[in-house]
Amino acid sequence: MKKLFFGGVIGLLSLTACKMVQNLGQDEVIMYVAPEQVDCTGVAPMKCLQVKESVNEGWTYFYSTIEGFNYVPGYEYKLIVKKTKVEKPIPADASSLKYTLVKEIKKTKK
């Protein structure tokens, strides 16, 4: 009986996870944000977020901003972010992509 119950719980969690992925819009991605910013250099020295789009990836520097996202140091985030192409002309020091927060899925104190 316990095996059946736990199997049902695991199945329900799996369906919920699949449903979450299926609910992503065409231009939307899951984005993880590290709890600390790092020194980086774009046009000038600055602080960059560290991001990744998969739990298994390494952190990469994020030189842009996520519109609508209020980063607080010390927390790791899991977000749904919409990535859209910026219409030309694009300044030489700007990204060709615009990032907009759709939903904050998880915020974990680190």
PDB file of N, CA and C in Angstrom:
ATOM      1  N   MET A   1       0.825  -1.193   0.000  1.00  0.00           N
ATOM      2  CA  MET A   1       0.000   0.000   0.000  1.00  0.00           C
ATOM      3  C   MET A   1       0.869   1.257   0.000  1.00  0.00           C
ATOM      4  N   LYS A   2       1.966   1.247   0.817  1.00  0.00           N
ATOM      5  CA  LYS A   2       2.854   2.406   0.874  1.00  0.00           C
ATOM      6  C   LYS A   2       3.535   2.628  -0.474  1.00  0.00           C
ATOM      7  N   LYS A   3       3.927   1.525  -1.142  1.00  0.00           N
ATOM      8  CA  LYS A   3       4.578   1.643  -2.443  1.00  0.00           C
ATOM      9  C   LYS A   3       3.635   2.294  -3.446  1.00  0.00           C
ATOM     10  N   LEU A   4       2.386   1.920  -3.395  1.00  0.00           N
ATOM     11  CA  LEU A   4       1.393   2.486  -4.302  1.00  0.00           C
ATOM     12  C   LEU A   4       1.224   3.974  -4.033  1.00  0.00           C
ATOM     13  N   PHE A   5       1.164   4.365  -2.763  1.00  0.00           N
ATOM     14  CA  PHE A   5       1.007   5.770  -2.385  1.00  0.00           C
ATOM     15  C   PHE A   5       2.204   6.594  -2.875  1.00  0.00           C
ATOM     16  N   PHE A   6       3.422   6.138  -2.574  1.00  0.00           N
ATOM     17  CA  PHE A   6       4.617   6.882  -2.969  1.00  0.00           C
ATOM     18  C   PHE A   6       4.764   6.919  -4.493  1.00  0.00           C
ATOM     19  N   GLY A   7       4.398   5.840  -5.154  1.00  0.00           N
ATOM     20  CA  GLY A   7       4.418   5.829  -6.615  1.00  0.00           C
ATOM     21  C   GLY A   7       3.458   6.864  -7.181  1.00  0.00           C
ATOM     22  N   GLY A   8       2.297   6.994  -6.566  1.00  0.00           N
ATOM     23  CA  GLY A   8       1.312   7.996  -6.990  1.00  0.00           C
ATOM     24  C   GLY A   8       1.823   9.409  -6.773  1.00  0.00           C
ATOM     25  N   VAL A   9       2.468   9.639  -5.624  1.00  0.00           N
ATOM     26  CA  VAL A   9       3.022  10.967  -5.324  1.00  0.00           C
ATOM     27  C   VAL A   9       4.110  11.319  -6.340  1.00  0.00           C
ATOM     28  N   ILE A  10       5.000  10.383  -6.612  1.00  0.00           N
ATOM     29  CA  ILE A  10       6.077  10.630  -7.583  1.00  0.00           C
ATOM     30  C   ILE A  10       5.483  10.884  -8.967  1.00  0.00           C
ATOM     31  N   GLY A  11       4.489  10.129  -9.346  1.00  0.00           N
ATOM     32  CA  GLY A  11       3.840  10.336 -10.639  1.00  0.00           C
ATOM     33  C   GLY A  11       3.189  11.701 -10.733  1.00  0.00           C
ATOM     34  N   LEU A  12       2.536  12.126  -9.665  1.00  0.00           N
ATOM     35  CA  LEU A  12       1.890  13.440  -9.635  1.00  0.00           C
ATOM     36  C   LEU A  12       2.929  14.555  -9.749  1.00  0.00           C
ATOM     37  N   LEU A  13       4.038  14.423  -9.028  1.00  0.00           N
ATOM     38  CA  LEU A  13       5.109  15.421  -9.117  1.00  0.00           C
ATOM     39  C   LEU A  13       5.692  15.472 -10.519  1.00  0.00           C
ATOM     40  N   SER A  14       5.849  14.333 -11.150  1.00  0.00           N
ATOM     41  CA  SER A  14       6.369  14.286 -12.518  1.00  0.00           C
ATOM     42  C   SER A  14       5.425  14.990 -13.484  1.00  0.00           C
ATOM     43  N   LEU A  15       4.146  14.749 -13.347  1.00  0.00           N
ATOM     44  CA  LEU A  15       3.170  15.409 -14.206  1.00  0.00           C
ATOM     45  C   LEU A  15       3.176  16.914 -13.992  1.00  0.00           C
ATOM     46  N   THR A  16       3.307  17.344 -12.739  1.00  0.00           N
ATOM     47  CA  THR A  16       3.362  18.770 -12.423  1.00  0.00           C
ATOM     48  C   THR A  16       4.579  19.405 -13.072  1.00  0.00           C
ATOM     49  N   ALA A  17       5.728  18.743 -12.991  1.00  0.00           N
ATOM     50  CA  ALA A  17       6.953  19.265 -13.607  1.00  0.00           C
ATOM     51  C   ALA A  17       6.787  19.340 -15.123  1.00  0.00           C
ATOM     52  N   CYS A  18       6.210  18.329 -15.731  1.00  0.00           N
ATOM     53  CA  CYS A  18       5.990  18.346 -17.175  1.00  0.00           C
ATOM     54  C   CYS A  18       5.027  19.458 -17.556  1.00  0.00           C
ATOM     55  N   LYS A  19       3.986  19.648 -16.772  1.00  0.00           N
ATOM     56  CA  LYS A  19       3.016  20.700 -17.044  1.00  0.00           C
ATOM     57  C   LYS A  19       3.695  22.061 -16.997  1.00  0.00           C
ATOM     58  N   MET A  20       4.619  22.274 -16.044  1.00  0.00           N
ATOM     59  CA  MET A  20       5.328  23.538 -15.933  1.00  0.00           C
ATOM     60  C   MET A  20       6.124  23.811 -17.201  1.00  0.00           C
ATOM     61  N   VAL A  21       6.817  22.805 -17.704  1.00  0.00           N
ATOM     62  CA  VAL A  21       7.620  22.975 -18.909  1.00  0.00           C
ATOM     63  C   VAL A  21       6.702  23.240 -20.099  1.00  0.00           C
ATOM     64  N   GLN A  22       5.582  22.551 -20.168  1.00  0.00           N
ATOM     65  CA  GLN A  22       4.660  22.732 -21.277  1.00  0.00           C
ATOM     66  C   GLN A  22       4.039  24.127 -21.265  1.00  0.00           C
ATOM     67  N   ASN A  23       3.968  24.782 -20.113  1.00  0.00           N
ATOM     68  CA  ASN A  23       3.365  26.095 -20.013  1.00  0.00           C
ATOM     69  C   ASN A  23       4.304  27.217 -20.441  1.00  0.00           C
ATOM     70  N   LEU A  24       5.541  26.916 -20.776  1.00  0.00           N
ATOM     71  CA  LEU A  24       6.455  27.937 -21.229  1.00  0.00           C
ATOM     72  C   LEU A  24       6.013  28.426 -22.605  1.00  0.00           C
ATOM     73  N   GLY A  25       6.037  29.753 -22.771  1.00  0.00           N
ATOM     74  CA  GLY A  25       5.720  30.329 -24.063  1.00  0.00           C
ATOM     75  C   GLY A  25       6.857  30.082 -25.047  1.00  0.00           C
ATOM     76  N   GLN A  26       6.634  30.420 -26.288  1.00  0.00           N
ATOM     77  CA  GLN A  26       7.603  30.166 -27.351  1.00  0.00           C
ATOM     78  C   GLN A  26       8.953  30.821 -27.074  1.00  0.00           C
ATOM     79  N   ASP A  27       8.966  32.032 -26.550  1.00  0.00           N
ATOM     80  CA  ASP A  27      10.221  32.753 -26.302  1.00  0.00           C
ATOM     81  C   ASP A  27      10.657  32.674 -24.840  1.00  0.00           C
ATOM     82  N   GLU A  28      10.048  31.797 -24.048  1.00  0.00           N
ATOM     83  CA  GLU A  28      10.335  31.733 -22.619  1.00  0.00           C
ATOM     84  C   GLU A  28      11.302  30.607 -22.280  1.00  0.00           C
ATOM     85  N   VAL A  29      12.157  30.870 -21.285  1.00  0.00           N
ATOM     86  CA  VAL A  29      13.118  29.877 -20.807  1.00  0.00           C
ATOM     87  C   VAL A  29      13.133  29.890 -19.287  1.00  0.00           C
ATOM     88  N   ILE A  30      13.553  28.772 -18.719  1.00  0.00           N
ATOM     89  CA  ILE A  30      13.848  28.717 -17.289  1.00  0.00           C
ATOM     90  C   ILE A  30      15.249  29.287 -17.130  1.00  0.00           C
ATOM     91  N   MET A  31      15.433  30.188 -16.183  1.00  0.00           N
ATOM     92  CA  MET A  31      16.746  30.767 -15.937  1.00  0.00           C
ATOM     93  C   MET A  31      17.021  30.720 -14.433  1.00  0.00           C
ATOM     94  N   TYR A  32      18.202  30.202 -14.088  1.00  0.00           N
ATOM     95  CA  TYR A  32      18.644  30.161 -12.703  1.00  0.00           C
ATOM     96  C   TYR A  32      19.609  31.327 -12.490  1.00  0.00           C
ATOM     97  N   VAL A  33      19.490  32.005 -11.342  1.00  0.00           N
ATOM     98  CA  VAL A  33      20.362  33.137 -11.012  1.00  0.00           C
ATOM     99  C   VAL A  33      21.087  32.803  -9.712  1.00  0.00           C
ATOM    100  N   ALA A  34      22.421  32.928  -9.731  1.00  0.00           N
ATOM    101  CA  ALA A  34      23.260  32.613  -8.570  1.00  0.00           C
ATOM    102  C   ALA A  34      23.059  33.651  -7.459  1.00  0.00           C
ATOM    103  N   PRO A  35      23.396  33.283  -6.229  1.00  0.00           N
ATOM    104  CA  PRO A  35      23.179  34.177  -5.090  1.00  0.00           C
ATOM    105  C   PRO A  35      24.140  35.358  -4.996  1.00  0.00           C
ATOM    106  N   GLU A  36      25.206  35.357  -5.752  1.00  0.00           N
ATOM    107  CA  GLU A  36      26.179  36.460  -5.686  1.00  0.00           C
ATOM    108  C   GLU A  36      26.501  36.973  -7.080  1.00  0.00           C
ATOM    109  N   GLN A  37      26.654  38.295  -7.184  1.00  0.00           N
ATOM    110  CA  GLN A  37      27.143  38.898  -8.420  1.00  0.00           C
ATOM    111  C   GLN A  37      28.664  38.792  -8.438  1.00  0.00           C
ATOM    112  N   VAL A  38      29.247  38.923  -9.616  1.00  0.00           N
ATOM    113  CA  VAL A  38      30.703  38.836  -9.761  1.00  0.00           C
ATOM    114  C   VAL A  38      31.207  40.064 -10.517  1.00  0.00           C
ATOM    115  N   ASP A  39      32.478  40.386 -10.291  1.00  0.00           N
ATOM    116  CA  ASP A  39      33.111  41.452 -11.058  1.00  0.00           C
ATOM    117  C   ASP A  39      33.281  40.979 -12.492  1.00  0.00           C
ATOM    118  N   CYS A  40      32.958  41.842 -13.435  1.00  0.00           N
ATOM    119  CA  CYS A  40      33.117  41.517 -14.853  1.00  0.00           C
ATOM    120  C   CYS A  40      33.390  42.817 -15.602  1.00  0.00           C
ATOM    121  N   THR A  41      33.748  42.679 -16.854  1.00  0.00           N
ATOM    122  CA  THR A  41      34.037  43.862 -17.640  1.00  0.00           C
ATOM    123  C   THR A  41      33.262  43.806 -18.940  1.00  0.00           C
ATOM    124  N   GLY A  42      32.391  44.802 -19.124  1.00  0.00           N
ATOM    125  CA  GLY A  42      31.681  44.971 -20.390  1.00  0.00           C
ATOM    126  C   GLY A  42      32.379  46.114 -21.096  1.00  0.00           C
ATOM    127  N   VAL A  43      31.683  47.218 -21.272  1.00  0.00           N
ATOM    128  CA  VAL A  43      32.311  48.430 -21.780  1.00  0.00           C
ATOM    129  C   VAL A  43      33.237  48.994 -20.711  1.00  0.00           C
ATOM    130  N   ALA A  44      32.849  48.794 -19.456  1.00  0.00           N
ATOM    131  CA  ALA A  44      33.634  49.231 -18.302  1.00  0.00           C
ATOM    132  C   ALA A  44      33.479  48.172 -17.218  1.00  0.00           C
ATOM    133  N   PRO A  45      34.307  48.224 -16.160  1.00  0.00           N
ATOM    134  CA  PRO A  45      34.129  47.275 -15.058  1.00  0.00           C
ATOM    135  C   PRO A  45      32.725  47.425 -14.448  1.00  0.00           C
ATOM    136  N   MET A  46      32.128  46.301 -14.120  1.00  0.00           N
ATOM    137  CA  MET A  46      30.769  46.288 -13.572  1.00  0.00           C
ATOM    138  C   MET A  46      30.551  45.018 -12.761  1.00  0.00           C
ATOM    139  N   LYS A  47      29.372  44.877 -12.187  1.00  0.00           N
ATOM    140  CA  LYS A  47      28.950  43.656 -11.506  1.00  0.00           C
ATOM    141  C   LYS A  47      27.978  42.923 -12.417  1.00  0.00           C
ATOM    142  N   CYS A  48      28.170  41.618 -12.575  1.00  0.00           N
ATOM    143  CA  CYS A  48      27.298  40.792 -13.413  1.00  0.00           C
ATOM    144  C   CYS A  48      26.583  39.746 -12.567  1.00  0.00           C
ATOM    145  N   LEU A  49      25.350  39.458 -12.954  1.00  0.00           N
ATOM    146  CA  LEU A  49      24.679  38.286 -12.410  1.00  0.00           C
ATOM    147  C   LEU A  49      25.355  37.062 -13.000  1.00  0.00           C
ATOM    148  N   GLN A  50      25.224  35.938 -12.322  1.00  0.00           N
ATOM    149  CA  GLN A  50      25.650  34.647 -12.864  1.00  0.00           C
ATOM    150  C   GLN A  50      24.373  33.866 -13.150  1.00  0.00           C
ATOM    151  N   VAL A  51      24.244  33.354 -14.355  1.00  0.00           N
ATOM    152  CA  VAL A  51      23.013  32.665 -14.744  1.00  0.00           C
ATOM    153  C   VAL A  51      23.318  31.361 -15.457  1.00  0.00           C
ATOM    154  N   LYS A  52      22.300  30.522 -15.544  1.00  0.00           N
ATOM    155  CA  LYS A  52      22.347  29.305 -16.353  1.00  0.00           C
ATOM    156  C   LYS A  52      20.919  28.918 -16.679  1.00  0.00           C
ATOM    157  N   GLU A  53      20.751  28.151 -17.749  1.00  0.00           N
ATOM    158  CA  GLU A  53      19.418  27.738 -18.185  1.00  0.00           C
ATOM    159  C   GLU A  53      19.132  26.273 -17.880  1.00  0.00           C
ATOM    160  N   SER A  54      20.076  25.601 -17.224  1.00  0.00           N
ATOM    161  CA  SER A  54      19.893  24.212 -16.824  1.00  0.00           C
ATOM    162  C   SER A  54      20.639  23.987 -15.516  1.00  0.00           C
ATOM    163  N   VAL A  55      20.082  23.166 -14.652  1.00  0.00           N
ATOM    164  CA  VAL A  55      20.719  22.854 -13.372  1.00  0.00           C
ATOM    165  C   VAL A  55      22.103  22.260 -13.594  1.00  0.00           C
ATOM    166  N   ASN A  56      22.297  21.518 -14.673  1.00  0.00           N
ATOM    167  CA  ASN A  56      23.556  20.815 -14.929  1.00  0.00           C
ATOM    168  C   ASN A  56      24.634  21.676 -15.577  1.00  0.00           C
ATOM    169  N   GLU A  57      24.305  22.887 -15.998  1.00  0.00           N
ATOM    170  CA  GLU A  57      25.283  23.771 -16.626  1.00  0.00           C
ATOM    171  C   GLU A  57      26.105  24.495 -15.568  1.00  0.00           C
ATOM    172  N   GLY A  58      27.234  25.060 -16.005  1.00  0.00           N
ATOM    173  CA  GLY A  58      28.012  25.940 -15.144  1.00  0.00           C
ATOM    174  C   GLY A  58      27.459  27.355 -15.241  1.00  0.00           C
ATOM    175  N   TRP A  59      27.764  28.176 -14.246  1.00  0.00           N
ATOM    176  CA  TRP A  59      27.319  29.570 -14.237  1.00  0.00           C
ATOM    177  C   TRP A  59      28.044  30.354 -15.322  1.00  0.00           C
ATOM    178  N   THR A  60      27.336  31.271 -15.985  1.00  0.00           N
ATOM    179  CA  THR A  60      27.938  32.180 -16.957  1.00  0.00           C
ATOM    180  C   THR A  60      27.623  33.617 -16.554  1.00  0.00           C
ATOM    181  N   TYR A  61      28.491  34.543 -16.957  1.00  0.00           N
ATOM    182  CA  TYR A  61      28.260  35.953 -16.671  1.00  0.00           C
ATOM    183  C   TYR A  61      27.093  36.463 -17.506  1.00  0.00           C
ATOM    184  N   PHE A  62      26.258  37.280 -16.887  1.00  0.00           N
ATOM    185  CA  PHE A  62      25.092  37.863 -17.558  1.00  0.00           C
ATOM    186  C   PHE A  62      25.280  39.372 -17.560  1.00  0.00           C
ATOM    187  N   TYR A  63      25.592  39.930 -18.709  1.00  0.00           N
ATOM    188  CA  TYR A  63      25.936  41.344 -18.837  1.00  0.00           C
ATOM    189  C   TYR A  63      24.721  42.246 -19.001  1.00  0.00           C
ATOM    190  N   SER A  64      23.552  41.672 -19.148  1.00  0.00           N
ATOM    191  CA  SER A  64      22.328  42.424 -19.398  1.00  0.00           C
ATOM    192  C   SER A  64      21.520  42.564 -18.113  1.00  0.00           C
ATOM    193  N   THR A  65      20.267  42.950 -18.241  1.00  0.00           N
ATOM    194  CA  THR A  65      19.344  43.020 -17.110  1.00  0.00           C
ATOM    195  C   THR A  65      18.106  42.195 -17.444  1.00  0.00           C
ATOM    196  N   ILE A  66      17.355  41.845 -16.415  1.00  0.00           N
ATOM    197  CA  ILE A  66      16.079  41.161 -16.593  1.00  0.00           C
ATOM    198  C   ILE A  66      15.012  42.145 -16.137  1.00  0.00           C
ATOM    199  N   GLU A  67      14.291  42.688 -17.099  1.00  0.00           N
ATOM    200  CA  GLU A  67      13.269  43.685 -16.797  1.00  0.00           C
ATOM    201  C   GLU A  67      12.220  43.103 -15.847  1.00  0.00           C
ATOM    202  N   GLY A  68      11.938  43.818 -14.761  1.00  0.00           N
ATOM    203  CA  GLY A  68      10.934  43.379 -13.791  1.00  0.00           C
ATOM    204  C   GLY A  68      11.478  42.484 -12.692  1.00  0.00           C
ATOM    205  N   PHE A  69      12.750  42.131 -12.754  1.00  0.00           N
ATOM    206  CA  PHE A  69      13.371  41.244 -11.762  1.00  0.00           C
ATOM    207  C   PHE A  69      14.118  42.084 -10.729  1.00  0.00           C
ATOM    208  N   ASN A  70      13.811  41.868  -9.462  1.00  0.00           N
ATOM    209  CA  ASN A  70      14.454  42.585  -8.363  1.00  0.00           C
ATOM    210  C   ASN A  70      15.419  41.626  -7.667  1.00  0.00           C
ATOM    211  N   TYR A  71      16.682  41.661  -8.086  1.00  0.00           N
ATOM    212  CA  TYR A  71      17.708  40.781  -7.531  1.00  0.00           C
ATOM    213  C   TYR A  71      18.074  41.213  -6.112  1.00  0.00           C
ATOM    214  N   VAL A  72      18.122  40.248  -5.188  1.00  0.00           N
ATOM    215  CA  VAL A  72      18.576  40.469  -3.817  1.00  0.00           C
ATOM    216  C   VAL A  72      19.744  39.516  -3.574  1.00  0.00           C
ATOM    217  N   PRO A  73      20.948  40.053  -3.265  1.00  0.00           N
ATOM    218  CA  PRO A  73      22.105  39.186  -3.004  1.00  0.00           C
ATOM    219  C   PRO A  73      21.813  38.188  -1.887  1.00  0.00           C
ATOM    220  N   GLY A  74      22.394  36.996  -2.001  1.00  0.00           N
ATOM    221  CA  GLY A  74      22.214  35.971  -0.977  1.00  0.00           C
ATOM    222  C   GLY A  74      21.097  34.989  -1.271  1.00  0.00           C
ATOM    223  N   TYR A  75      20.396  35.178  -2.374  1.00  0.00           N
ATOM    224  CA  TYR A  75      19.309  34.276  -2.770  1.00  0.00           C
ATOM    225  C   TYR A  75      19.600  33.698  -4.146  1.00  0.00           C
ATOM    226  N   GLU A  76      19.281  32.415  -4.313  1.00  0.00           N
ATOM    227  CA  GLU A  76      19.346  31.793  -5.624  1.00  0.00           C
ATOM    228  C   GLU A  76      17.931  31.773  -6.175  1.00  0.00           C
ATOM    229  N   TYR A  77      17.791  32.062  -7.447  1.00  0.00           N
ATOM    230  CA  TYR A  77      16.474  32.179  -8.062  1.00  0.00           C
ATOM    231  C   TYR A  77      16.298  31.176  -9.191  1.00  0.00           C
ATOM    232  N   LYS A  78      15.047  30.773  -9.369  1.00  0.00           N
ATOM    233  CA  LYS A  78      14.626  30.020 -10.542  1.00  0.00           C
ATOM    234  C   LYS A  78      13.500  30.844 -11.156  1.00  0.00           C
ATOM    235  N   LEU A  79      13.700  31.283 -12.392  1.00  0.00           N
ATOM    236  CA  LEU A  79      12.781  32.210 -13.037  1.00  0.00           C
ATOM    237  C   LEU A  79      12.283  31.670 -14.371  1.00  0.00           C
ATOM    238  N   ILE A  80      11.133  32.161 -14.780  1.00  0.00           N
ATOM    239  CA  ILE A  80      10.714  32.029 -16.170  1.00  0.00           C
ATOM    240  C   ILE A  80      10.954  33.402 -16.779  1.00  0.00           C
ATOM    241  N   VAL A  81      11.753  33.431 -17.842  1.00  0.00           N
ATOM    242  CA  VAL A  81      12.149  34.677 -18.474  1.00  0.00           C
ATOM    243  C   VAL A  81      11.792  34.624 -19.954  1.00  0.00           C
ATOM    244  N   LYS A  82      11.266  35.727 -20.456  1.00  0.00           N
ATOM    245  CA  LYS A  82      10.971  35.832 -21.887  1.00  0.00           C
ATOM    246  C   LYS A  82      12.156  36.504 -22.573  1.00  0.00           C
ATOM    247  N   LYS A  83      12.677  35.871 -23.621  1.00  0.00           N
ATOM    248  CA  LYS A  83      13.787  36.416 -24.404  1.00  0.00           C
ATOM    249  C   LYS A  83      13.237  36.858 -25.753  1.00  0.00           C
ATOM    250  N   THR A  84      13.395  38.146 -26.045  1.00  0.00           N
ATOM    251  CA  THR A  84      12.929  38.654 -27.326  1.00  0.00           C
ATOM    252  C   THR A  84      14.057  39.406 -28.027  1.00  0.00           C
ATOM    253  N   LYS A  85      14.045  39.358 -29.341  1.00  0.00           N
ATOM    254  CA  LYS A  85      15.057  40.072 -30.122  1.00  0.00           C
ATOM    255  C   LYS A  85      14.745  41.560 -30.108  1.00  0.00           C
ATOM    256  N   VAL A  86      15.799  42.361 -29.964  1.00  0.00           N
ATOM    257  CA  VAL A  86      15.671  43.812 -29.969  1.00  0.00           C
ATOM    258  C   VAL A  86      15.671  44.274 -31.418  1.00  0.00           C
ATOM    259  N   GLU A  87      14.763  45.181 -31.732  1.00  0.00           N
ATOM    260  CA  GLU A  87      14.714  45.735 -33.087  1.00  0.00           C
ATOM    261  C   GLU A  87      15.928  46.614 -33.337  1.00  0.00           C
ATOM    262  N   LYS A  88      16.411  46.635 -34.544  1.00  0.00           N
ATOM    263  CA  LYS A  88      17.560  47.454 -34.915  1.00  0.00           C
ATOM    264  C   LYS A  88      17.145  48.911 -34.932  1.00  0.00           C
ATOM    265  N   PRO A  89      18.005  49.864 -34.732  1.00  0.00           N
ATOM    266  CA  PRO A  89      19.443  49.722 -34.513  1.00  0.00           C
ATOM    267  C   PRO A  89      19.755  49.380 -33.064  1.00  0.00           C
ATOM    268  N   ILE A  90      20.754  48.560 -32.868  1.00  0.00           N
ATOM    269  CA  ILE A  90      21.196  48.148 -31.542  1.00  0.00           C
ATOM    270  C   ILE A  90      22.509  48.858 -31.250  1.00  0.00           C
ATOM    271  N   PRO A  91      22.603  49.583 -30.123  1.00  0.00           N
ATOM    272  CA  PRO A  91      23.884  50.218 -29.781  1.00  0.00           C
ATOM    273  C   PRO A  91      24.991  49.168 -29.697  1.00  0.00           C
ATOM    274  N   ALA A  92      26.217  49.575 -30.001  1.00  0.00           N
ATOM    275  CA  ALA A  92      27.359  48.655 -30.040  1.00  0.00           C
ATOM    276  C   ALA A  92      27.584  47.944 -28.712  1.00  0.00           C
ATOM    277  N   ASP A  93      27.249  48.594 -27.599  1.00  0.00           N
ATOM    278  CA  ASP A  93      27.506  47.996 -26.289  1.00  0.00           C
ATOM    279  C   ASP A  93      26.265  47.325 -25.693  1.00  0.00           C
ATOM    280  N   ALA A  94      25.224  47.130 -26.482  1.00  0.00           N
ATOM    281  CA  ALA A  94      23.974  46.555 -25.974  1.00  0.00           C
ATOM    282  C   ALA A  94      23.744  45.150 -26.522  1.00  0.00           C
ATOM    283  N   SER A  95      22.912  44.397 -25.806  1.00  0.00           N
ATOM    284  CA  SER A  95      22.561  43.039 -26.216  1.00  0.00           C
ATOM    285  C   SER A  95      21.534  43.080 -27.336  1.00  0.00           C
ATOM    286  N   SER A  96      21.545  42.072 -28.182  1.00  0.00           N
ATOM    287  CA  SER A  96      20.534  41.952 -29.233  1.00  0.00           C
ATOM    288  C   SER A  96      19.278  41.265 -28.707  1.00  0.00           C
ATOM    289  N   LEU A  97      19.307  40.881 -27.420  1.00  0.00           N
ATOM    290  CA  LEU A  97      18.165  40.243 -26.774  1.00  0.00           C
ATOM    291  C   LEU A  97      17.682  41.068 -25.593  1.00  0.00           C
ATOM    292  N   LYS A  98      16.376  41.067 -25.381  1.00  0.00           N
ATOM    293  CA  LYS A  98      15.767  41.713 -24.216  1.00  0.00           C
ATOM    294  C   LYS A  98      15.222  40.601 -23.333  1.00  0.00           C
ATOM    295  N   TYR A  99      15.477  40.702 -22.035  1.00  0.00           N
ATOM    296  CA  TYR A  99      15.039  39.698 -21.070  1.00  0.00           C
ATOM    297  C   TYR A  99      13.987  40.325 -20.162  1.00  0.00           C
ATOM    298  N   THR A 100      12.835  39.656 -20.040  1.00  0.00           N
ATOM    299  CA  THR A 100      11.738  40.162 -19.216  1.00  0.00           C
ATOM    300  C   THR A 100      11.253  39.050 -18.291  1.00  0.00           C
ATOM    301  N   LEU A 101      11.142  39.363 -17.001  1.00  0.00           N
ATOM    302  CA  LEU A 101      10.649  38.388 -16.029  1.00  0.00           C
ATOM    303  C   LEU A 101       9.192  38.069 -16.302  1.00  0.00           C
ATOM    304  N   VAL A 102       8.890  36.785 -16.403  1.00  0.00           N
ATOM    305  CA  VAL A 102       7.512  36.319 -16.539  1.00  0.00           C
ATOM    306  C   VAL A 102       7.009  35.879 -15.173  1.00  0.00           C
ATOM    307  N   LYS A 103       7.852  35.075 -14.476  1.00  0.00           N
ATOM    308  CA  LYS A 103       7.441  34.553 -13.173  1.00  0.00           C
ATOM    309  C   LYS A 103       8.664  34.131 -12.370  1.00  0.00           C
ATOM    310  N   GLU A 104       8.663  34.470 -11.087  1.00  0.00           N
ATOM    311  CA  GLU A 104       9.679  33.966 -10.156  1.00  0.00           C
ATOM    312  C   GLU A 104       9.142  32.658  -9.584  1.00  0.00           C
ATOM    313  N   ILE A 105       9.759  31.548  -9.951  1.00  0.00           N
ATOM    314  CA  ILE A 105       9.295  30.236  -9.518  1.00  0.00           C
ATOM    315  C   ILE A 105       9.771  29.918  -8.100  1.00  0.00           C
ATOM    316  N   LYS A 106      11.040  30.249  -7.837  1.00  0.00           N
ATOM    317  CA  LYS A 106      11.632  29.862  -6.558  1.00  0.00           C
ATOM    318  C   LYS A 106      12.682  30.884  -6.147  1.00  0.00           C
ATOM    319  N   LYS A 107      12.745  31.196  -4.867  1.00  0.00           N
ATOM    320  CA  LYS A 107      13.760  32.085  -4.290  1.00  0.00           C
ATOM    321  C   LYS A 107      14.248  31.415  -3.025  1.00  0.00           C
ATOM    322  N   THR A 108      15.541  30.998  -3.033  1.00  0.00           N
ATOM    323  CA  THR A 108      16.100  30.210  -1.927  1.00  0.00           C
ATOM    324  C   THR A 108      17.245  30.940  -1.268  1.00  0.00           C
ATOM    325  N   LYS A 109      17.186  31.115   0.046  1.00  0.00           N
ATOM    326  CA  LYS A 109      18.270  31.762   0.803  1.00  0.00           C
ATOM    327  C   LYS A 109      19.497  30.862   0.787  1.00  0.00           C
ATOM    328  N   LYS A 110      20.658  31.434   0.443  1.00  0.00           N
ATOM    329  CA  LYS A 110      21.911  30.663   0.380  1.00  0.00           C
ATOM    330  C   LYS A 110      22.922  31.212   1.369  1.00  0.00           C
TER     331      LYS A 110
END
